[in-house]
């Protein structure tokens, strides 16, 4: 992890990414960090006392089962937030978050601003929106679209295009091989079209 110390650069990132619009509280002081590819950002055995707004790069989120195997949870491309679940869970993270590329985040200390954030309506609405989006995504994929093919079609209806087999397989909770098999079937059935390496769109 690298810490940025240029306050003008940090303020420029905050302004460009409209970070202050997520808060009613004024005079919040943010830190800025970058993570190298493969670097761990959160883990279940590490207390997270910040809310982080990632403005560049991507991460993968996963869990580790008792037998040591990895359970892929999600893949996020910036902009996105980490720390919403931890804010409501005393800083405890249920999953590992690892940089998939070099990433940059703007970080706000929960320890320093805990009382203010607990009364900040805009911030609490942001948390509520984040929680509901995650719940809807999980319930939609597992309940409304129980098969991989149904999940893939639902993904296309929501996103129109699929770019990147690995990223999509994590979001769709299936293996690369399973996803590639379904994509081939949908192409053969003239429902989607391959537009490049690992890229498809609805016809």
N, C-alpha and C. Protein backbone atom coordinates (compact mmCIF):
# COMPACT_ATOMS: atom_id res chain seq x y z
N UNK A 1 0.84 -1.19 0.00
CA UNK A 1 0.00 0.00 0.00
C UNK A 1 0.88 1.25 0.00
N UNK A 2 0.53 2.19 -0.83
CA UNK A 2 1.25 3.46 -0.91
C UNK A 2 0.32 4.59 -0.47
N UNK A 3 0.84 5.49 0.35
CA UNK A 3 0.07 6.64 0.83
C UNK A 3 0.39 7.88 0.01
N UNK A 4 -0.64 8.58 -0.43
CA UNK A 4 -0.44 9.85 -1.15
C UNK A 4 -0.45 10.99 -0.13
N UNK A 5 0.47 11.91 -0.27
CA UNK A 5 0.57 13.01 0.69
C UNK A 5 0.27 14.37 0.07
N UNK A 6 0.07 14.40 -1.25
CA UNK A 6 -0.21 15.67 -1.93
C UNK A 6 -1.67 16.05 -1.71
N UNK A 7 -1.91 17.01 -0.82
CA UNK A 7 -3.28 17.38 -0.46
C UNK A 7 -4.04 17.98 -1.65
N UNK A 8 -3.35 18.69 -2.52
CA UNK A 8 -4.01 19.27 -3.70
C UNK A 8 -4.50 18.17 -4.63
N UNK A 9 -3.69 17.13 -4.80
CA UNK A 9 -4.09 16.00 -5.64
C UNK A 9 -5.29 15.28 -5.03
N UNK A 10 -5.27 15.09 -3.73
CA UNK A 10 -6.38 14.42 -3.05
C UNK A 10 -7.67 15.23 -3.22
N UNK A 11 -7.59 16.54 -3.03
CA UNK A 11 -8.77 17.39 -3.19
C UNK A 11 -9.28 17.36 -4.63
N UNK A 12 -8.37 17.29 -5.58
CA UNK A 12 -8.77 17.20 -6.98
C UNK A 12 -9.53 15.90 -7.24
N UNK A 13 -9.04 14.79 -6.71
CA UNK A 13 -9.74 13.50 -6.87
C UNK A 13 -11.12 13.55 -6.21
N UNK A 14 -11.20 14.15 -5.03
CA UNK A 14 -12.48 14.26 -4.33
C UNK A 14 -13.47 15.05 -5.18
N UNK A 15 -13.01 16.15 -5.75
CA UNK A 15 -13.88 17.00 -6.57
C UNK A 15 -14.29 16.29 -7.85
N UNK A 16 -13.35 15.66 -8.53
CA UNK A 16 -13.63 14.98 -9.79
C UNK A 16 -14.62 13.83 -9.62
N UNK A 17 -14.58 13.20 -8.46
CA UNK A 17 -15.43 12.03 -8.21
C UNK A 17 -16.64 12.35 -7.34
N UNK A 18 -16.86 13.63 -7.06
CA UNK A 18 -18.06 14.11 -6.35
C UNK A 18 -18.25 13.41 -5.00
N UNK A 19 -17.17 13.18 -4.29
CA UNK A 19 -17.22 12.42 -3.05
C UNK A 19 -18.00 13.17 -1.96
N UNK A 20 -17.86 14.49 -1.89
CA UNK A 20 -18.55 15.24 -0.85
C UNK A 20 -20.07 15.18 -0.99
N UNK A 21 -20.56 14.85 -2.19
CA UNK A 21 -22.00 14.77 -2.40
C UNK A 21 -22.63 13.59 -1.65
N UNK A 22 -21.82 12.68 -1.15
CA UNK A 22 -22.33 11.53 -0.40
C UNK A 22 -22.52 11.85 1.08
N UNK A 23 -22.20 13.08 1.50
CA UNK A 23 -22.21 13.41 2.92
C UNK A 23 -22.92 14.74 3.19
N UNK A 24 -23.58 14.80 4.34
CA UNK A 24 -24.06 16.07 4.88
C UNK A 24 -22.99 16.73 5.74
N UNK A 25 -22.14 15.90 6.33
CA UNK A 25 -21.09 16.40 7.22
C UNK A 25 -20.05 17.19 6.42
N UNK A 26 -19.69 18.34 6.93
CA UNK A 26 -18.70 19.17 6.24
C UNK A 26 -17.31 18.98 6.85
N UNK A 27 -16.32 19.45 6.13
CA UNK A 27 -14.93 19.46 6.60
C UNK A 27 -14.37 18.06 6.87
N UNK A 28 -14.84 17.08 6.11
CA UNK A 28 -14.29 15.73 6.24
C UNK A 28 -12.90 15.68 5.61
N UNK A 29 -11.98 15.00 6.27
CA UNK A 29 -10.62 14.88 5.76
C UNK A 29 -10.39 13.45 5.28
N UNK A 30 -10.03 13.33 4.01
CA UNK A 30 -9.79 12.02 3.39
C UNK A 30 -8.30 11.77 3.22
N UNK A 31 -7.93 10.51 3.34
CA UNK A 31 -6.60 10.06 2.95
C UNK A 31 -6.72 9.38 1.59
N UNK A 32 -5.59 9.18 0.93
CA UNK A 32 -5.59 8.51 -0.37
C UNK A 32 -4.50 7.45 -0.40
N UNK A 33 -4.85 6.29 -0.93
CA UNK A 33 -3.91 5.17 -0.99
C UNK A 33 -3.97 4.51 -2.37
N UNK A 34 -2.91 3.82 -2.70
CA UNK A 34 -2.93 2.95 -3.88
C UNK A 34 -2.51 1.55 -3.44
N UNK A 35 -3.06 0.55 -4.11
CA UNK A 35 -2.74 -0.85 -3.85
C UNK A 35 -2.22 -1.48 -5.13
N UNK A 36 -1.17 -2.28 -5.01
CA UNK A 36 -0.64 -3.00 -6.16
C UNK A 36 -1.52 -4.20 -6.49
N UNK A 37 -1.42 -4.68 -7.71
CA UNK A 37 -2.13 -5.88 -8.11
C UNK A 37 -1.74 -7.05 -7.19
N UNK A 38 -2.76 -7.77 -6.70
CA UNK A 38 -2.52 -8.91 -5.82
C UNK A 38 -2.44 -8.55 -4.35
N UNK A 39 -2.51 -7.26 -4.01
CA UNK A 39 -2.41 -6.84 -2.61
C UNK A 39 -3.77 -6.96 -1.92
N UNK A 40 -3.77 -7.49 -0.71
CA UNK A 40 -5.01 -7.63 0.06
C UNK A 40 -5.43 -6.27 0.63
N UNK A 41 -6.73 -5.98 0.50
CA UNK A 41 -7.28 -4.73 1.02
C UNK A 41 -8.08 -4.99 2.29
N UNK A 42 -8.91 -6.03 2.28
CA UNK A 42 -9.64 -6.44 3.48
C UNK A 42 -9.51 -7.95 3.65
N UNK A 43 -9.67 -8.40 4.89
CA UNK A 43 -9.69 -9.82 5.19
C UNK A 43 -10.47 -10.03 6.48
N UNK A 44 -11.01 -11.23 6.70
CA UNK A 44 -11.83 -11.48 7.89
C UNK A 44 -11.10 -11.32 9.21
N UNK A 45 -9.78 -11.40 9.19
CA UNK A 45 -9.03 -11.28 10.45
C UNK A 45 -8.43 -9.88 10.64
N UNK A 46 -8.91 -8.91 9.87
CA UNK A 46 -8.37 -7.56 9.95
C UNK A 46 -9.52 -6.57 10.10
N UNK A 47 -9.48 -5.75 11.17
CA UNK A 47 -10.52 -4.75 11.40
C UNK A 47 -10.36 -3.62 10.38
N UNK A 48 -11.46 -3.27 9.72
CA UNK A 48 -11.44 -2.17 8.76
C UNK A 48 -12.12 -0.96 9.39
N UNK A 49 -11.36 0.08 9.68
CA UNK A 49 -11.88 1.27 10.34
C UNK A 49 -12.03 2.45 9.40
N UNK A 50 -12.21 2.15 8.11
CA UNK A 50 -12.37 3.21 7.12
C UNK A 50 -13.48 2.85 6.13
N UNK A 51 -13.99 3.87 5.47
CA UNK A 51 -14.84 3.68 4.29
C UNK A 51 -14.01 4.14 3.11
N UNK A 52 -13.90 3.29 2.09
CA UNK A 52 -12.99 3.56 0.98
C UNK A 52 -13.77 3.72 -0.33
N UNK A 53 -13.50 4.80 -1.02
CA UNK A 53 -14.10 5.06 -2.32
C UNK A 53 -13.02 4.85 -3.39
N UNK A 54 -13.15 3.79 -4.15
CA UNK A 54 -12.14 3.47 -5.16
C UNK A 54 -12.44 4.23 -6.45
N UNK A 55 -11.45 4.98 -6.92
CA UNK A 55 -11.65 5.84 -8.08
C UNK A 55 -10.93 5.32 -9.32
N UNK A 56 -10.11 4.28 -9.16
CA UNK A 56 -9.50 3.64 -10.32
C UNK A 56 -9.15 2.21 -9.98
N UNK A 57 -9.12 1.37 -11.03
CA UNK A 57 -8.75 -0.02 -10.86
C UNK A 57 -9.93 -0.93 -10.55
N UNK A 58 -9.62 -2.19 -10.27
CA UNK A 58 -10.65 -3.18 -9.98
C UNK A 58 -10.18 -4.13 -8.88
N UNK A 59 -11.13 -4.77 -8.23
CA UNK A 59 -10.81 -5.72 -7.16
C UNK A 59 -11.64 -6.98 -7.35
N UNK A 60 -11.19 -8.06 -6.71
CA UNK A 60 -11.98 -9.28 -6.64
C UNK A 60 -12.26 -9.58 -5.17
N UNK A 61 -13.46 -10.07 -4.91
CA UNK A 61 -13.90 -10.37 -3.55
C UNK A 61 -14.17 -11.86 -3.46
N UNK A 62 -13.63 -12.49 -2.42
CA UNK A 62 -13.78 -13.94 -2.32
C UNK A 62 -13.74 -14.38 -0.86
N UNK A 63 -14.20 -15.59 -0.64
CA UNK A 63 -14.11 -16.22 0.67
C UNK A 63 -13.28 -17.48 0.56
N UNK A 64 -12.85 -18.00 1.69
CA UNK A 64 -12.10 -19.26 1.72
C UNK A 64 -12.85 -20.26 2.58
N UNK A 65 -13.19 -21.39 1.98
CA UNK A 65 -13.94 -22.41 2.70
C UNK A 65 -13.03 -23.15 3.68
N UNK A 66 -13.66 -23.98 4.54
CA UNK A 66 -12.90 -24.72 5.55
C UNK A 66 -11.88 -25.66 4.93
N UNK A 67 -12.17 -26.17 3.71
CA UNK A 67 -11.24 -27.09 3.06
C UNK A 67 -10.12 -26.36 2.31
N UNK A 68 -10.12 -25.02 2.40
CA UNK A 68 -9.06 -24.23 1.77
C UNK A 68 -9.37 -23.78 0.36
N UNK A 69 -10.49 -24.22 -0.21
CA UNK A 69 -10.85 -23.80 -1.57
C UNK A 69 -11.42 -22.38 -1.55
N UNK A 70 -11.30 -21.71 -2.67
CA UNK A 70 -11.72 -20.31 -2.80
C UNK A 70 -13.13 -20.23 -3.36
N UNK A 71 -13.96 -19.40 -2.75
CA UNK A 71 -15.32 -19.15 -3.23
C UNK A 71 -15.38 -17.71 -3.75
N UNK A 72 -15.46 -17.55 -5.08
CA UNK A 72 -15.51 -16.21 -5.68
C UNK A 72 -16.85 -15.55 -5.39
N UNK A 73 -16.82 -14.30 -4.95
CA UNK A 73 -18.03 -13.57 -4.58
C UNK A 73 -18.38 -12.51 -5.62
N UNK A 74 -17.41 -11.68 -5.98
CA UNK A 74 -17.73 -10.59 -6.91
C UNK A 74 -16.45 -10.03 -7.51
N UNK A 75 -16.63 -9.24 -8.56
CA UNK A 75 -15.56 -8.49 -9.21
C UNK A 75 -16.09 -7.07 -9.39
N UNK A 76 -15.35 -6.08 -8.91
CA UNK A 76 -15.82 -4.69 -8.97
C UNK A 76 -14.84 -3.83 -9.75
N UNK A 77 -15.39 -3.04 -10.67
CA UNK A 77 -14.61 -2.04 -11.39
C UNK A 77 -14.95 -0.66 -10.83
N UNK A 78 -13.96 0.21 -10.72
CA UNK A 78 -14.20 1.55 -10.19
C UNK A 78 -15.18 2.32 -11.09
N UNK A 79 -15.97 3.21 -10.46
CA UNK A 79 -15.96 3.56 -9.04
C UNK A 79 -16.81 2.61 -8.20
N UNK A 80 -16.36 2.34 -6.98
CA UNK A 80 -17.12 1.53 -6.05
C UNK A 80 -16.66 1.83 -4.63
N UNK A 81 -17.43 1.36 -3.67
CA UNK A 81 -17.15 1.62 -2.26
C UNK A 81 -16.90 0.32 -1.53
N UNK A 82 -15.95 0.33 -0.60
CA UNK A 82 -15.70 -0.78 0.31
C UNK A 82 -15.75 -0.23 1.73
N UNK A 83 -16.38 -0.98 2.62
CA UNK A 83 -16.48 -0.55 4.01
C UNK A 83 -17.91 -0.37 4.47
N UNK A 84 -18.88 -0.54 3.55
CA UNK A 84 -20.29 -0.38 3.93
C UNK A 84 -20.72 -1.48 4.90
N UNK A 85 -20.42 -2.73 4.56
CA UNK A 85 -20.77 -3.84 5.45
C UNK A 85 -20.01 -3.74 6.77
N UNK A 86 -18.76 -3.35 6.69
CA UNK A 86 -17.92 -3.28 7.87
C UNK A 86 -18.38 -2.16 8.82
N UNK A 87 -18.91 -1.07 8.26
CA UNK A 87 -19.40 0.04 9.09
C UNK A 87 -20.47 -0.43 10.05
N UNK A 88 -21.33 -1.34 9.58
CA UNK A 88 -22.42 -1.85 10.41
C UNK A 88 -22.05 -3.11 11.17
N UNK A 89 -20.79 -3.55 11.04
CA UNK A 89 -20.38 -4.81 11.65
C UNK A 89 -19.10 -4.65 12.48
N UNK A 90 -18.97 -3.47 13.11
CA UNK A 90 -17.84 -3.19 14.01
C UNK A 90 -16.48 -3.39 13.32
N UNK A 91 -16.44 -3.08 12.03
CA UNK A 91 -15.17 -3.15 11.30
C UNK A 91 -14.80 -4.52 10.81
N UNK A 92 -15.64 -5.53 11.09
CA UNK A 92 -15.32 -6.89 10.68
C UNK A 92 -15.74 -7.12 9.23
N UNK A 93 -14.84 -7.70 8.45
CA UNK A 93 -15.10 -7.97 7.05
C UNK A 93 -15.40 -9.45 6.86
N UNK A 94 -16.49 -9.81 6.15
CA UNK A 94 -16.80 -11.23 5.95
C UNK A 94 -15.95 -11.89 4.86
N UNK A 95 -15.31 -11.07 4.01
CA UNK A 95 -14.61 -11.62 2.85
C UNK A 95 -13.21 -11.03 2.71
N UNK A 96 -12.46 -11.63 1.79
CA UNK A 96 -11.18 -11.06 1.35
C UNK A 96 -11.45 -10.15 0.16
N UNK A 97 -10.79 -9.00 0.13
CA UNK A 97 -10.82 -8.12 -1.04
C UNK A 97 -9.39 -7.95 -1.51
N UNK A 98 -9.16 -8.23 -2.78
CA UNK A 98 -7.80 -8.21 -3.34
C UNK A 98 -7.77 -7.37 -4.61
N UNK A 99 -6.75 -6.55 -4.74
CA UNK A 99 -6.61 -5.73 -5.95
C UNK A 99 -6.40 -6.62 -7.17
N UNK A 100 -7.21 -6.40 -8.16
CA UNK A 100 -7.08 -7.14 -9.41
C UNK A 100 -6.15 -6.41 -10.37
N UNK A 101 -6.04 -5.10 -10.15
CA UNK A 101 -5.12 -4.22 -10.89
C UNK A 101 -4.56 -3.23 -9.87
N UNK A 102 -3.73 -2.34 -10.30
CA UNK A 102 -3.36 -1.24 -9.40
C UNK A 102 -4.61 -0.40 -9.15
N UNK A 103 -4.87 -0.06 -7.89
CA UNK A 103 -6.07 0.68 -7.54
C UNK A 103 -5.72 1.92 -6.74
N UNK A 104 -6.61 2.92 -6.78
CA UNK A 104 -6.48 4.12 -5.96
C UNK A 104 -7.80 4.34 -5.24
N UNK A 105 -7.71 4.64 -3.94
CA UNK A 105 -8.93 4.90 -3.18
C UNK A 105 -8.78 6.14 -2.31
N UNK A 106 -9.93 6.76 -2.04
CA UNK A 106 -10.04 7.85 -1.08
C UNK A 106 -10.65 7.27 0.18
N UNK A 107 -9.98 7.43 1.29
CA UNK A 107 -10.34 6.72 2.52
C UNK A 107 -10.75 7.70 3.62
N UNK A 108 -11.87 7.38 4.28
CA UNK A 108 -12.37 8.22 5.36
C UNK A 108 -12.36 7.41 6.66
N UNK A 109 -11.77 7.95 7.71
CA UNK A 109 -11.66 7.25 8.97
C UNK A 109 -13.01 7.14 9.67
N UNK A 110 -13.44 5.93 9.96
CA UNK A 110 -14.67 5.72 10.73
C UNK A 110 -14.42 6.03 12.20
N UNK A 111 -13.23 5.67 12.69
CA UNK A 111 -12.89 5.97 14.09
C UNK A 111 -13.02 7.45 14.38
N UNK A 112 -12.53 8.27 13.48
CA UNK A 112 -12.51 9.72 13.70
C UNK A 112 -13.90 10.33 13.56
N UNK A 113 -14.70 9.81 12.63
CA UNK A 113 -15.98 10.46 12.32
C UNK A 113 -17.20 9.59 12.65
N UNK A 114 -17.04 8.61 13.53
CA UNK A 114 -18.12 7.65 13.78
C UNK A 114 -19.43 8.34 14.21
N UNK A 115 -19.36 9.24 15.15
CA UNK A 115 -20.57 9.90 15.65
C UNK A 115 -21.23 10.73 14.56
N UNK A 116 -20.42 11.47 13.81
CA UNK A 116 -20.97 12.30 12.73
C UNK A 116 -21.63 11.44 11.65
N UNK A 117 -20.97 10.34 11.28
CA UNK A 117 -21.51 9.48 10.22
C UNK A 117 -22.78 8.78 10.65
N UNK A 118 -22.92 8.50 11.94
CA UNK A 118 -24.14 7.86 12.44
C UNK A 118 -25.34 8.79 12.38
N UNK A 119 -25.10 10.08 12.18
CA UNK A 119 -26.19 11.05 12.07
C UNK A 119 -26.21 11.75 10.71
N UNK A 120 -25.42 11.23 9.79
CA UNK A 120 -25.31 11.84 8.46
C UNK A 120 -26.31 11.16 7.52
N UNK A 121 -27.39 11.86 7.20
CA UNK A 121 -28.50 11.26 6.44
C UNK A 121 -28.05 10.83 5.04
N UNK A 122 -27.30 11.67 4.35
CA UNK A 122 -26.84 11.30 3.00
C UNK A 122 -25.97 10.06 3.03
N UNK A 123 -25.06 9.99 3.99
CA UNK A 123 -24.18 8.82 4.09
C UNK A 123 -24.98 7.58 4.44
N UNK A 124 -25.93 7.67 5.35
CA UNK A 124 -26.74 6.52 5.72
C UNK A 124 -27.60 6.06 4.55
N UNK A 125 -28.08 7.01 3.73
CA UNK A 125 -28.81 6.62 2.52
C UNK A 125 -27.89 5.91 1.52
N UNK A 126 -26.64 6.35 1.46
CA UNK A 126 -25.67 5.68 0.59
C UNK A 126 -25.47 4.24 1.04
N UNK A 127 -25.33 4.02 2.34
CA UNK A 127 -25.19 2.66 2.86
C UNK A 127 -26.42 1.83 2.55
N UNK A 128 -27.61 2.40 2.74
CA UNK A 128 -28.85 1.68 2.48
C UNK A 128 -28.94 1.27 1.02
N UNK A 129 -28.56 2.18 0.12
CA UNK A 129 -28.58 1.88 -1.31
C UNK A 129 -27.60 0.77 -1.64
N UNK A 130 -26.42 0.82 -1.04
CA UNK A 130 -25.41 -0.21 -1.29
C UNK A 130 -25.89 -1.57 -0.80
N UNK A 131 -26.47 -1.61 0.42
CA UNK A 131 -26.98 -2.88 0.96
C UNK A 131 -28.06 -3.45 0.06
N UNK A 132 -29.01 -2.60 -0.36
CA UNK A 132 -30.13 -3.09 -1.16
C UNK A 132 -29.67 -3.59 -2.52
N UNK A 133 -28.68 -2.91 -3.12
CA UNK A 133 -28.17 -3.36 -4.42
C UNK A 133 -27.53 -4.74 -4.31
N UNK A 134 -26.78 -4.97 -3.24
CA UNK A 134 -26.14 -6.27 -3.05
C UNK A 134 -27.17 -7.35 -2.78
N UNK A 135 -28.21 -7.02 -2.02
CA UNK A 135 -29.26 -7.99 -1.72
C UNK A 135 -30.04 -8.34 -2.98
N UNK A 136 -30.37 -7.33 -3.78
CA UNK A 136 -31.12 -7.56 -5.01
C UNK A 136 -30.30 -8.40 -5.98
N UNK A 137 -29.01 -8.08 -6.10
CA UNK A 137 -28.15 -8.83 -7.01
C UNK A 137 -28.08 -10.30 -6.61
N UNK A 138 -27.90 -10.56 -5.32
CA UNK A 138 -27.78 -11.94 -4.84
C UNK A 138 -29.09 -12.69 -5.00
N UNK A 139 -30.20 -12.07 -4.63
CA UNK A 139 -31.48 -12.76 -4.68
C UNK A 139 -31.94 -12.96 -6.12
N UNK A 140 -31.64 -12.00 -6.99
CA UNK A 140 -32.03 -12.12 -8.39
C UNK A 140 -31.30 -13.27 -9.06
N UNK A 141 -30.00 -13.33 -8.84
CA UNK A 141 -29.21 -14.37 -9.48
C UNK A 141 -29.56 -15.76 -8.99
N UNK A 142 -29.85 -15.88 -7.71
CA UNK A 142 -30.06 -17.21 -7.14
C UNK A 142 -31.51 -17.67 -7.14
N UNK A 143 -32.47 -16.73 -7.18
CA UNK A 143 -33.88 -17.09 -7.08
C UNK A 143 -34.59 -16.96 -8.41
N UNK A 144 -34.50 -15.79 -9.03
CA UNK A 144 -35.20 -15.56 -10.28
C UNK A 144 -34.54 -16.31 -11.42
N UNK A 145 -33.22 -16.41 -11.38
CA UNK A 145 -32.48 -17.08 -12.46
C UNK A 145 -31.60 -18.17 -11.87
N UNK A 146 -32.18 -19.32 -11.53
CA UNK A 146 -31.41 -20.36 -10.84
C UNK A 146 -30.38 -21.08 -11.71
N UNK A 147 -30.60 -21.19 -13.03
CA UNK A 147 -29.64 -21.89 -13.89
C UNK A 147 -28.62 -20.89 -14.44
N UNK A 148 -27.47 -21.41 -14.86
CA UNK A 148 -26.42 -20.54 -15.38
C UNK A 148 -26.90 -19.83 -16.65
N UNK A 149 -27.58 -20.55 -17.53
CA UNK A 149 -28.07 -19.92 -18.76
C UNK A 149 -29.03 -18.79 -18.46
N UNK A 150 -29.92 -18.99 -17.49
CA UNK A 150 -30.87 -17.94 -17.12
C UNK A 150 -30.14 -16.73 -16.52
N UNK A 151 -29.11 -17.01 -15.72
CA UNK A 151 -28.34 -15.92 -15.13
C UNK A 151 -27.60 -15.13 -16.20
N UNK A 152 -27.07 -15.84 -17.20
CA UNK A 152 -26.35 -15.17 -18.28
C UNK A 152 -27.30 -14.27 -19.08
N UNK A 153 -28.47 -14.77 -19.39
CA UNK A 153 -29.45 -13.97 -20.14
C UNK A 153 -29.90 -12.76 -19.33
N UNK A 154 -30.08 -12.96 -18.02
CA UNK A 154 -30.45 -11.84 -17.16
C UNK A 154 -29.34 -10.80 -17.12
N UNK A 155 -28.10 -11.28 -17.10
CA UNK A 155 -26.95 -10.39 -17.12
C UNK A 155 -26.96 -9.52 -18.38
N UNK A 156 -27.24 -10.14 -19.53
CA UNK A 156 -27.28 -9.39 -20.79
C UNK A 156 -28.43 -8.38 -20.79
N UNK A 157 -29.56 -8.75 -20.22
CA UNK A 157 -30.69 -7.83 -20.17
C UNK A 157 -30.37 -6.60 -19.33
N UNK A 158 -29.53 -6.80 -18.31
CA UNK A 158 -29.17 -5.70 -17.42
C UNK A 158 -28.00 -4.88 -17.95
N UNK A 159 -27.02 -5.58 -18.55
CA UNK A 159 -25.78 -4.91 -18.96
C UNK A 159 -25.61 -4.77 -20.47
N UNK A 160 -26.39 -5.49 -21.25
CA UNK A 160 -26.36 -5.49 -22.72
C UNK A 160 -25.12 -6.16 -23.28
N UNK A 161 -23.95 -5.84 -22.70
CA UNK A 161 -22.72 -6.46 -23.16
C UNK A 161 -22.03 -7.21 -22.03
N UNK A 162 -21.28 -8.24 -22.41
CA UNK A 162 -20.44 -8.97 -21.46
C UNK A 162 -19.00 -8.81 -21.92
N UNK A 163 -18.16 -8.27 -21.04
CA UNK A 163 -16.75 -8.05 -21.38
C UNK A 163 -15.88 -8.68 -20.31
N UNK A 164 -15.17 -9.73 -20.68
CA UNK A 164 -14.26 -10.39 -19.74
C UNK A 164 -14.88 -11.62 -19.12
N UNK A 165 -14.38 -12.79 -19.53
CA UNK A 165 -14.94 -14.06 -19.05
C UNK A 165 -14.72 -14.23 -17.54
N UNK A 166 -13.52 -13.94 -17.06
CA UNK A 166 -13.22 -14.14 -15.64
C UNK A 166 -14.10 -13.26 -14.77
N UNK A 167 -14.19 -11.98 -15.12
CA UNK A 167 -15.02 -11.05 -14.35
C UNK A 167 -16.47 -11.51 -14.32
N UNK A 168 -17.00 -11.88 -15.49
CA UNK A 168 -18.41 -12.29 -15.58
C UNK A 168 -18.67 -13.59 -14.83
N UNK A 169 -17.72 -14.52 -14.88
CA UNK A 169 -17.92 -15.81 -14.20
C UNK A 169 -18.02 -15.62 -12.69
N UNK A 170 -17.27 -14.65 -12.15
CA UNK A 170 -17.35 -14.35 -10.72
C UNK A 170 -18.71 -13.75 -10.38
N UNK A 171 -19.15 -12.80 -11.19
CA UNK A 171 -20.44 -12.15 -10.94
C UNK A 171 -21.60 -13.12 -11.10
N UNK A 172 -21.45 -14.10 -11.98
CA UNK A 172 -22.53 -15.04 -12.25
C UNK A 172 -22.42 -16.33 -11.43
N UNK A 173 -21.39 -16.40 -10.58
CA UNK A 173 -21.21 -17.55 -9.68
C UNK A 173 -21.15 -18.88 -10.43
N UNK A 174 -20.25 -18.91 -11.41
CA UNK A 174 -20.04 -20.15 -12.17
C UNK A 174 -18.57 -20.20 -12.59
N UNK A 175 -18.13 -21.34 -13.13
CA UNK A 175 -16.75 -21.46 -13.58
C UNK A 175 -16.60 -20.87 -14.97
N UNK A 176 -15.36 -20.59 -15.36
CA UNK A 176 -15.09 -20.10 -16.72
C UNK A 176 -15.61 -21.09 -17.76
N UNK A 177 -15.35 -22.39 -17.51
CA UNK A 177 -15.76 -23.41 -18.47
C UNK A 177 -17.28 -23.45 -18.63
N UNK A 178 -18.00 -23.36 -17.51
CA UNK A 178 -19.46 -23.35 -17.57
C UNK A 178 -19.97 -22.14 -18.34
N UNK A 179 -19.38 -20.99 -18.07
CA UNK A 179 -19.81 -19.76 -18.75
C UNK A 179 -19.52 -19.84 -20.24
N UNK A 180 -18.32 -20.31 -20.61
CA UNK A 180 -17.97 -20.41 -22.02
C UNK A 180 -18.90 -21.37 -22.77
N UNK A 181 -19.30 -22.44 -22.09
CA UNK A 181 -20.21 -23.41 -22.71
C UNK A 181 -21.58 -22.77 -22.97
N UNK A 182 -22.08 -22.00 -22.00
CA UNK A 182 -23.37 -21.33 -22.17
C UNK A 182 -23.28 -20.25 -23.24
N UNK A 183 -22.19 -19.49 -23.26
CA UNK A 183 -22.03 -18.44 -24.28
C UNK A 183 -21.99 -19.04 -25.69
N UNK A 184 -21.32 -20.16 -25.84
CA UNK A 184 -21.29 -20.83 -27.15
C UNK A 184 -22.69 -21.27 -27.57
N UNK A 185 -23.44 -21.83 -26.63
CA UNK A 185 -24.80 -22.27 -26.93
C UNK A 185 -25.68 -21.09 -27.34
N UNK A 186 -25.56 -19.97 -26.63
CA UNK A 186 -26.37 -18.79 -26.95
C UNK A 186 -25.97 -18.20 -28.30
N UNK A 187 -24.68 -18.27 -28.62
CA UNK A 187 -24.23 -17.82 -29.94
C UNK A 187 -24.78 -18.73 -31.03
N UNK A 188 -24.72 -20.06 -30.80
CA UNK A 188 -25.24 -21.02 -31.78
C UNK A 188 -26.74 -20.85 -31.99
N UNK A 189 -27.44 -20.45 -30.92
CA UNK A 189 -28.89 -20.24 -31.01
C UNK A 189 -29.26 -18.83 -31.46
N UNK A 190 -28.24 -18.06 -31.85
CA UNK A 190 -28.44 -16.73 -32.42
C UNK A 190 -29.07 -15.73 -31.43
N UNK A 191 -28.81 -15.93 -30.12
CA UNK A 191 -29.34 -15.01 -29.12
C UNK A 191 -28.35 -13.92 -28.76
N UNK A 192 -27.06 -14.24 -28.87
CA UNK A 192 -26.01 -13.25 -28.61
C UNK A 192 -24.99 -13.34 -29.73
N UNK A 193 -24.11 -12.34 -29.78
CA UNK A 193 -23.08 -12.30 -30.82
C UNK A 193 -21.73 -12.00 -30.19
N UNK A 194 -20.70 -12.75 -30.61
CA UNK A 194 -19.35 -12.50 -30.13
C UNK A 194 -18.78 -11.31 -30.88
N UNK A 195 -18.28 -10.30 -30.15
CA UNK A 195 -17.80 -9.08 -30.81
C UNK A 195 -16.29 -8.88 -30.59
N UNK A 196 -15.66 -9.81 -29.89
CA UNK A 196 -14.23 -9.71 -29.65
C UNK A 196 -13.82 -10.78 -28.65
N UNK A 197 -12.54 -10.82 -28.33
CA UNK A 197 -12.05 -11.81 -27.38
C UNK A 197 -12.67 -11.58 -26.01
N UNK A 198 -13.46 -12.55 -25.56
CA UNK A 198 -14.13 -12.45 -24.26
C UNK A 198 -15.24 -11.41 -24.19
N UNK A 199 -15.70 -10.94 -25.35
CA UNK A 199 -16.74 -9.91 -25.39
C UNK A 199 -17.93 -10.37 -26.23
N UNK A 200 -19.13 -10.18 -25.68
CA UNK A 200 -20.37 -10.59 -26.34
C UNK A 200 -21.43 -9.52 -26.11
N UNK A 201 -22.42 -9.50 -27.02
CA UNK A 201 -23.57 -8.61 -26.83
C UNK A 201 -24.82 -9.28 -27.34
N UNK A 202 -25.96 -8.77 -26.87
CA UNK A 202 -27.24 -9.27 -27.35
C UNK A 202 -27.42 -8.96 -28.83
N UNK A 203 -28.10 -9.85 -29.53
CA UNK A 203 -28.40 -9.58 -30.95
C UNK A 203 -29.66 -8.72 -31.04
